[in-house]
Amino acid sequence: MEYSADYKTVQIPLQYVPAAQLRNLTSALLRSTDLAPEDADIIADALVTSELRNLQGQGQGVRRVRAYVDRVRACHVDPHAPFDLVKESPALALIDAHNAAGTVVAVKAMRLAVQKAKVCGVGIVVVRHSTHFGSASYSASQALPEGCIGVSMTNAGPEMAPWGGIDGVVGTNPWAVAVPTGDGPDAMPIILDMALTTSGKGMMRWLLRDGRKMPTNWAITADGRTTDDPAEAMDGTLLPMGEYKGYGLSLITDVLTGVLSGGAFGTVPYSNQARQEVAHQFIAYDIDWFGPRAEFYAHLAEFIGMVKASRLRPGFKEILLPGELEWRRQQEKSAGGIPLDPEVFEDLRSLAQECGVPWPF
């Protein structure tokens, strides 16, 4: 069966759980470590939000809970690290994260960018010496309630080869841009959230388990051959979206995060799991600085109408905005439960027992 954006597993029996109970369980598991309660809650909300929005197999959801718990306990994440303001101006800030939990650092950094945007129109915060920060859209979306556009980006481990090469040098290096379309929780934002590879190894592992072939533009083998076999590609490198264009964007992301911040870049991030050495950048644009917010929303609605009015190509049912599929998934799963990978479900059960946390399902 051919892979598509509305892919659903045909072989893996999913376990449905209520979102609120999953969030409470995730928070309790993280609170069993030395993380501050408020930090554990931020990470839990980020993981469950990712679970609500993403396809099974995409790797930023609650399948990461055990890894996060283990990393804190192994002192590979410092739960007491300061949010160290190295340098700042009214519009800019440079942060040293000192190996703190990346998701928490990302939220704090975007909130600081918003504060600066409220003064200067635009706020930019660059972070070095951080760790894995989860879905880029989660931190970008922190700008939305404040009437701001949020941009979040990070470098990552070297899973992508430079265009024409075989060896991994740059990362998936994801970006997210979150744009409010109105005030209030019922206004669907436009959220572009993308890794700069065509796909990731999490989806490759999922398709392998589900007995599916993968598109040949996802990855190459260790000796540089194209393949549709996810097993054959697991030891290879990921291919960039848009061929050389995605590689160029990934390289520039490393410049805007690791190189610019004085942090790590290229082959260094994730090379030592005790210090992942990840760098990020966050930008907030205060819409009200540029003009009345109501006018922005009206112009944006007009623009969306133009986009949706495009004639459809054969085989397409509708024009979607960035993040619209994820918004629909979020509404559906919030109402009907989150489908969990049975391996993740059992791992959470085992982890709860190990941590002395009551099992709610």
Protein backbone atom coordinates (compact mmCIF):
# COMPACT_ATOMS: atom_id res chain seq x y z
CA MET A 1 0.00 0.00 0.00
CA GLU A 2 1.39 3.40 -0.98
CA TYR A 3 2.31 5.85 1.78
CA SER A 4 0.29 9.09 1.91
CA ALA A 5 -0.27 12.02 4.28
CA ASP A 6 -3.48 10.45 5.63
CA TYR A 7 -1.69 7.13 6.24
CA LYS A 8 -3.19 4.81 8.85
CA THR A 9 -1.61 1.60 10.07
CA VAL A 10 -3.08 -1.67 8.82
CA GLN A 11 -1.16 -4.12 11.02
CA ILE A 12 -0.41 -2.44 14.35
CA PRO A 13 -3.29 -2.60 16.89
CA LEU A 14 -3.49 0.87 18.39
CA GLN A 15 -4.51 1.52 22.00
CA TYR A 16 -6.82 4.53 22.49
CA VAL A 17 -6.45 6.61 25.67
CA PRO A 18 -8.02 9.91 26.83
CA ALA A 19 -5.75 12.92 26.29
CA ALA A 20 -6.25 14.36 29.80
CA GLN A 21 -5.30 11.10 31.51
CA LEU A 22 -2.28 10.68 29.26
CA ARG A 23 -1.15 14.23 30.09
CA ASN A 24 -1.54 13.58 33.83
CA LEU A 25 0.39 10.30 33.60
CA THR A 26 3.18 11.89 31.56
CA SER A 27 3.47 14.75 34.02
CA ALA A 28 3.58 12.36 37.00
CA LEU A 29 6.33 10.28 35.37
CA LEU A 30 8.44 13.36 34.69
CA ARG A 31 7.75 14.76 38.17
CA SER A 32 9.21 11.53 39.61
CA THR A 33 12.62 12.87 38.52
CA ASP A 34 14.46 15.94 39.82
CA LEU A 35 12.71 18.17 37.29
CA ALA A 36 10.84 21.10 38.85
CA PRO A 37 7.09 20.37 38.77
CA GLU A 38 6.40 23.29 36.44
CA ASP A 39 9.12 22.08 34.06
CA ALA A 40 7.76 18.53 34.11
CA ASP A 41 4.32 19.92 33.26
CA ILE A 42 5.68 21.91 30.30
CA ILE A 43 7.38 18.82 28.87
CA ALA A 44 4.30 16.67 29.45
CA ASP A 45 2.04 19.16 27.70
CA ALA A 46 4.47 19.41 24.78
CA LEU A 47 4.65 15.62 24.36
CA VAL A 48 0.87 15.12 24.52
CA THR A 49 0.25 18.07 22.19
CA SER A 50 2.61 16.44 19.71
CA GLU A 51 0.76 13.16 20.15
CA LEU A 52 -2.52 14.92 19.39
CA ARG A 53 -1.21 16.56 16.22
CA ASN A 54 1.12 13.97 14.70
CA LEU A 55 0.83 10.70 12.83
CA GLN A 56 1.82 7.49 14.60
CA GLY A 57 5.50 6.91 13.97
CA GLN A 58 6.45 10.56 14.11
CA GLY A 59 8.85 10.74 17.00
CA GLN A 60 8.01 13.75 19.19
CA GLY A 61 5.20 12.28 21.30
CA VAL A 62 5.03 10.26 24.51
CA ARG A 63 7.34 7.57 23.14
CA ARG A 64 10.06 9.95 24.39
CA VAL A 65 8.96 9.90 28.05
CA ARG A 66 11.27 7.06 29.08
CA ALA A 67 14.24 8.66 27.33
CA TYR A 68 13.58 11.97 29.07
CA VAL A 69 13.21 10.32 32.47
CA ASP A 70 16.36 8.25 31.94
CA ARG A 71 18.37 11.26 30.75
CA VAL A 72 17.51 13.29 33.84
CA ARG A 73 18.35 10.39 36.14
CA ALA A 74 21.64 9.77 34.33
CA CYS A 75 22.54 13.47 34.71
CA HIS A 76 22.54 13.86 30.94
CA VAL A 77 20.06 16.70 31.44
CA ASP A 78 20.59 19.17 34.27
CA PRO A 79 17.18 19.83 35.87
CA HIS A 80 18.67 22.67 37.94
CA ALA A 81 20.53 24.46 35.13
CA PRO A 82 20.07 28.24 35.00
CA PHE A 83 18.44 29.99 32.07
CA ASP A 84 21.63 31.97 31.62
CA LEU A 85 21.26 35.33 29.90
CA VAL A 86 24.73 35.79 28.39
CA LYS A 87 24.01 38.99 26.50
CA GLU A 88 20.98 41.06 25.54
CA SER A 89 19.69 44.20 23.90
CA PRO A 90 16.10 45.46 23.78
CA ALA A 91 15.37 43.16 20.80
CA LEU A 92 17.98 40.39 21.14
CA ALA A 93 19.17 37.83 23.65
CA LEU A 94 21.81 35.09 23.77
CA ILE A 95 21.10 32.25 26.21
CA ASP A 96 23.39 29.53 27.53
CA ALA A 97 21.13 26.61 28.45
CA HIS A 98 23.83 24.67 30.38
CA ASN A 99 22.43 21.28 29.28
CA ALA A 100 18.92 21.95 30.59
CA ALA A 101 15.76 20.26 29.30
CA GLY A 102 15.43 21.61 25.76
CA THR A 103 11.63 21.78 25.73
CA VAL A 104 11.63 23.99 28.82
CA VAL A 105 14.43 26.15 27.44
CA ALA A 106 12.50 26.57 24.18
CA VAL A 107 9.34 27.72 25.94
CA LYS A 108 11.25 30.19 28.12
CA ALA A 109 13.18 31.50 25.12
CA MET A 110 10.04 32.07 23.05
CA ARG A 111 8.37 33.84 25.97
CA LEU A 112 11.43 36.10 26.22
CA ALA A 113 11.29 36.74 22.46
CA VAL A 114 7.63 37.76 22.83
CA GLN A 115 8.49 40.16 25.67
CA LYS A 116 11.11 41.79 23.47
CA ALA A 117 8.76 41.93 20.49
CA LYS A 118 6.22 43.83 22.59
CA VAL A 119 8.89 46.52 23.02
CA CYS A 120 10.65 46.47 19.64
CA GLY A 121 8.19 44.83 17.25
CA VAL A 122 10.51 41.85 16.79
CA GLY A 123 12.34 39.79 19.41
CA ILE A 124 15.07 37.24 18.68
CA VAL A 125 16.54 34.79 21.18
CA VAL A 126 19.42 32.46 20.26
CA VAL A 127 20.31 29.50 22.51
CA ARG A 128 23.45 27.38 22.81
CA HIS A 129 24.39 24.29 24.87
CA SER A 130 20.83 22.94 24.95
CA THR A 131 19.24 19.52 24.47
CA HIS A 132 16.44 17.98 22.41
CA PHE A 133 13.50 20.44 22.37
CA GLY A 134 10.68 18.30 20.92
CA SER A 135 8.25 19.59 18.30
CA ALA A 136 9.28 22.98 16.94
CA SER A 137 5.62 23.94 16.64
CA TYR A 138 5.13 23.73 20.41
CA SER A 139 7.59 26.51 21.19
CA ALA A 140 6.56 28.56 18.13
CA SER A 141 2.93 28.38 19.29
CA GLN A 142 3.77 30.02 22.62
CA ALA A 143 3.65 33.32 20.70
CA LEU A 144 0.05 32.88 19.52
CA PRO A 145 -1.88 33.89 22.69
CA GLU A 146 0.11 37.13 22.80
CA GLY A 147 -0.94 38.19 19.30
CA CYS A 148 2.47 37.37 17.88
CA ILE A 149 3.83 35.26 15.06
CA GLY A 150 6.35 32.74 16.41
CA VAL A 151 9.30 31.17 14.60
CA SER A 152 11.27 28.30 16.13
CA MET A 153 14.23 26.40 14.71
CA THR A 154 16.92 24.05 15.96
CA ASN A 155 19.90 22.13 14.74
CA ALA A 156 20.08 18.37 15.29
CA GLY A 157 22.26 15.30 14.87
CA PRO A 158 23.95 14.74 11.48
CA GLU A 159 21.38 12.48 9.81
CA MET A 160 21.41 14.26 6.41
CA ALA A 161 24.24 14.17 3.90
CA PRO A 162 25.09 17.31 1.96
CA TRP A 163 23.44 17.15 -1.46
CA GLY A 164 25.49 14.76 -3.59
CA GLY A 165 27.22 13.22 -0.55
CA ILE A 166 26.74 10.04 1.45
CA ASP A 167 27.92 10.85 4.98
CA GLY A 168 25.68 12.67 7.46
CA VAL A 169 26.91 16.19 8.20
CA VAL A 170 23.79 18.28 8.85
CA GLY A 171 20.57 17.48 10.68
CA THR A 172 16.85 17.33 10.09
CA ASN A 173 17.06 20.85 11.57
CA PRO A 174 13.32 21.52 11.92
CA TRP A 175 11.53 24.86 11.60
CA ALA A 176 8.10 25.93 12.77
CA VAL A 177 6.22 29.14 12.06
CA ALA A 178 2.97 29.77 13.97
CA VAL A 179 0.62 32.49 12.70
CA PRO A 180 -2.59 33.46 14.53
CA THR A 181 -5.70 33.85 12.35
CA GLY A 182 -7.77 35.39 15.13
CA ASP A 183 -7.91 35.78 18.90
CA GLY A 184 -9.12 32.92 21.06
CA PRO A 185 -8.67 29.13 21.09
CA ASP A 186 -11.24 28.42 18.36
CA ALA A 187 -9.33 30.32 15.66
CA MET A 188 -7.24 27.72 13.82
CA PRO A 189 -3.69 29.07 13.49
CA ILE A 190 -1.53 28.51 10.44
CA ILE A 191 1.35 26.36 11.67
CA LEU A 192 4.13 25.27 9.38
CA ASP A 193 6.12 22.58 11.22
CA MET A 194 8.68 20.74 9.15
CA ALA A 195 11.93 18.89 9.36
CA LEU A 196 14.18 19.69 6.43
CA THR A 197 14.47 16.03 5.47
CA THR A 198 11.70 14.43 3.43
CA SER A 199 10.93 12.21 6.41
CA GLY A 200 12.61 10.86 9.53
CA LYS A 201 13.83 7.52 10.77
CA GLY A 202 10.94 7.31 13.21
CA MET A 203 8.50 7.02 10.30
CA MET A 204 10.87 4.57 8.57
CA ARG A 205 10.83 2.32 11.65
CA TRP A 206 7.05 2.55 11.79
CA LEU A 207 6.61 1.58 8.13
CA LEU A 208 9.05 -1.29 8.65
CA ARG A 209 6.91 -2.61 11.51
CA ASP A 210 3.76 -2.05 9.46
CA GLY A 211 5.10 -4.00 6.50
CA ARG A 212 5.17 -0.99 4.17
CA LYS A 213 7.62 0.24 1.60
CA MET A 214 8.79 3.84 1.88
CA PRO A 215 9.06 6.47 -0.87
CA THR A 216 12.47 6.40 -2.57
CA ASN A 217 13.08 10.09 -1.78
CA TRP A 218 13.25 9.50 1.98
CA ALA A 219 16.73 8.04 2.50
CA ILE A 220 19.72 6.35 0.92
CA THR A 221 21.59 3.24 1.98
CA ALA A 222 24.96 3.32 3.75
CA ASP A 223 26.69 3.04 0.36
CA GLY A 224 24.60 5.81 -1.20
CA ARG A 225 21.96 3.87 -3.16
CA THR A 226 18.30 4.86 -3.35
CA THR A 227 15.87 2.35 -1.86
CA ASP A 228 12.22 1.85 -0.93
CA ASP A 229 13.13 -0.61 1.84
CA PRO A 230 13.17 1.12 5.26
CA ALA A 231 15.27 -1.71 6.75
CA GLU A 232 17.96 -1.20 4.13
CA ALA A 233 18.01 2.57 4.72
CA MET A 234 18.19 2.56 8.54
CA ASP A 235 22.00 2.62 8.49
CA GLY A 236 22.09 5.22 5.73
CA THR A 237 21.36 8.94 5.69
CA LEU A 238 18.16 10.91 5.21
CA LEU A 239 17.48 12.86 2.03
CA PRO A 240 16.59 16.56 2.13
CA MET A 241 13.18 17.82 1.11
CA GLY A 242 13.38 19.58 -2.23
CA GLU A 243 16.74 17.98 -2.95
CA TYR A 244 19.54 20.60 -2.83
CA LYS A 245 17.13 23.26 -1.52
CA GLY A 246 16.43 21.33 1.68
CA TYR A 247 20.13 20.71 2.16
CA GLY A 248 20.76 24.46 1.77
CA LEU A 249 18.07 25.29 4.33
CA SER A 250 19.51 22.75 6.76
CA LEU A 251 23.00 24.19 6.39
CA ILE A 252 21.71 27.72 6.96
CA THR A 253 19.79 26.53 10.04
CA ASP A 254 23.05 25.25 11.53
CA VAL A 255 24.55 28.69 10.83
CA LEU A 256 21.62 30.55 12.46
CA THR A 257 21.68 28.32 15.54
CA GLY A 258 24.98 26.60 16.31
CA VAL A 259 27.48 28.76 14.47
CA LEU A 260 25.87 32.11 15.36
CA SER A 261 25.40 31.25 19.04
CA GLY A 262 28.94 29.99 19.62
CA GLY A 263 27.50 26.52 20.20
CA ALA A 264 27.84 23.24 18.32
CA PHE A 265 27.04 22.52 14.68
CA GLY A 266 27.47 19.94 11.92
CA THR A 267 28.62 16.57 13.20
CA VAL A 268 28.87 17.63 16.86
CA PRO A 269 25.21 17.81 18.08
CA TYR A 270 24.13 14.48 19.63
CA SER A 271 27.63 12.99 19.24
CA ASN A 272 27.85 12.78 23.05
CA GLN A 273 24.58 11.81 24.73
CA ALA A 274 25.80 13.22 28.05
CA ARG A 275 25.88 16.67 26.42
CA GLN A 276 23.76 16.85 23.29
CA GLU A 277 25.04 20.35 22.42
CA VAL A 278 21.97 21.52 20.52
CA ALA A 279 21.40 25.14 19.50
CA HIS A 280 18.13 26.94 18.75
CA GLN A 281 16.75 30.24 17.53
CA PHE A 282 13.37 31.82 18.34
CA ILE A 283 11.75 34.86 16.74
CA ALA A 284 8.55 36.66 17.71
CA TYR A 285 6.80 39.32 15.60
CA ASP A 286 4.32 41.53 17.43
CA ILE A 287 1.48 42.01 14.95
CA ASP A 288 0.18 45.14 16.71
CA TRP A 289 3.51 46.90 16.17
CA PHE A 290 3.02 46.71 12.40
CA GLY A 291 -0.65 47.73 12.40
CA PRO A 292 -4.02 46.98 14.00
CA ARG A 293 -4.37 43.28 14.72
CA ALA A 294 -7.95 43.21 13.41
CA GLU A 295 -6.71 44.55 10.10
CA PHE A 296 -4.02 41.85 9.94
CA TYR A 297 -6.64 39.16 10.59
CA ALA A 298 -8.90 40.60 7.87
CA HIS A 299 -6.08 40.66 5.32
CA LEU A 300 -5.03 37.15 6.30
CA ALA A 301 -8.60 35.89 5.88
CA GLU A 302 -8.69 37.47 2.43
CA PHE A 303 -5.39 35.77 1.55
CA ILE A 304 -6.64 32.40 2.83
CA GLY A 305 -9.73 32.82 0.65
CA MET A 306 -7.51 33.32 -2.39
CA VAL A 307 -5.54 30.17 -1.56
CA LYS A 308 -8.65 28.05 -0.99
CA ALA A 309 -10.23 29.30 -4.24
CA SER A 310 -7.52 27.73 -6.40
CA ARG A 311 -8.78 25.18 -8.92
CA LEU A 312 -8.03 21.63 -7.78
CA ARG A 313 -5.69 19.30 -9.60
CA PRO A 314 -7.00 15.83 -10.49
CA GLY A 315 -6.91 13.52 -7.48
CA PHE A 316 -7.15 16.30 -4.87
CA LYS A 317 -10.26 16.96 -2.78
CA GLU A 318 -9.36 20.30 -1.19
CA ILE A 319 -6.65 22.89 -0.58
CA LEU A 320 -5.23 22.72 2.94
CA LEU A 321 -3.32 25.32 4.91
CA PRO A 322 -0.10 24.44 6.74
CA GLY A 323 -1.14 22.76 9.99
CA GLU A 324 -4.76 22.19 8.95
CA LEU A 325 -4.46 18.39 8.93
CA GLU A 326 -2.79 18.54 12.35
CA TRP A 327 -5.57 20.79 13.67
CA ARG A 328 -8.17 18.27 12.53
CA ARG A 329 -6.26 15.41 14.11
CA GLN A 330 -6.02 17.39 17.35
CA GLN A 331 -9.77 17.97 17.45
CA GLU A 332 -10.53 14.35 16.58
CA LYS A 333 -8.13 12.85 19.11
CA SER A 334 -9.16 15.29 21.85
CA ALA A 335 -12.72 14.04 21.46
CA GLY A 336 -12.16 10.37 20.71
CA GLY A 337 -8.88 9.49 22.40
CA ILE A 338 -5.24 9.34 21.37
CA PRO A 339 -4.20 6.19 19.48
CA LEU A 340 -0.97 4.91 21.00
CA ASP A 341 1.51 2.44 19.58
CA PRO A 342 1.04 -0.73 21.71
CA GLU A 343 4.80 -0.83 22.34
CA VAL A 344 4.66 2.73 23.69
CA PHE A 345 1.57 1.88 25.78
CA GLU A 346 3.36 -1.07 27.42
CA ASP A 347 6.55 0.92 27.91
CA LEU A 348 4.59 3.64 29.73
CA ARG A 349 2.97 0.95 31.90
CA SER A 350 6.40 -0.47 32.80
CA LEU A 351 7.81 2.97 33.47
CA ALA A 352 4.89 3.84 35.74
CA GLN A 353 5.57 0.72 37.77
CA GLU A 354 9.27 1.55 38.00
CA CYS A 355 8.54 5.12 39.10
CA GLY A 356 5.78 4.21 41.55
CA VAL A 357 3.20 6.18 39.55
CA PRO A 358 -0.41 4.87 39.49
CA TRP A 359 -1.45 3.44 36.12
CA PRO A 360 -4.65 5.19 34.96
CA PHE A 361 -5.77 3.00 32.04
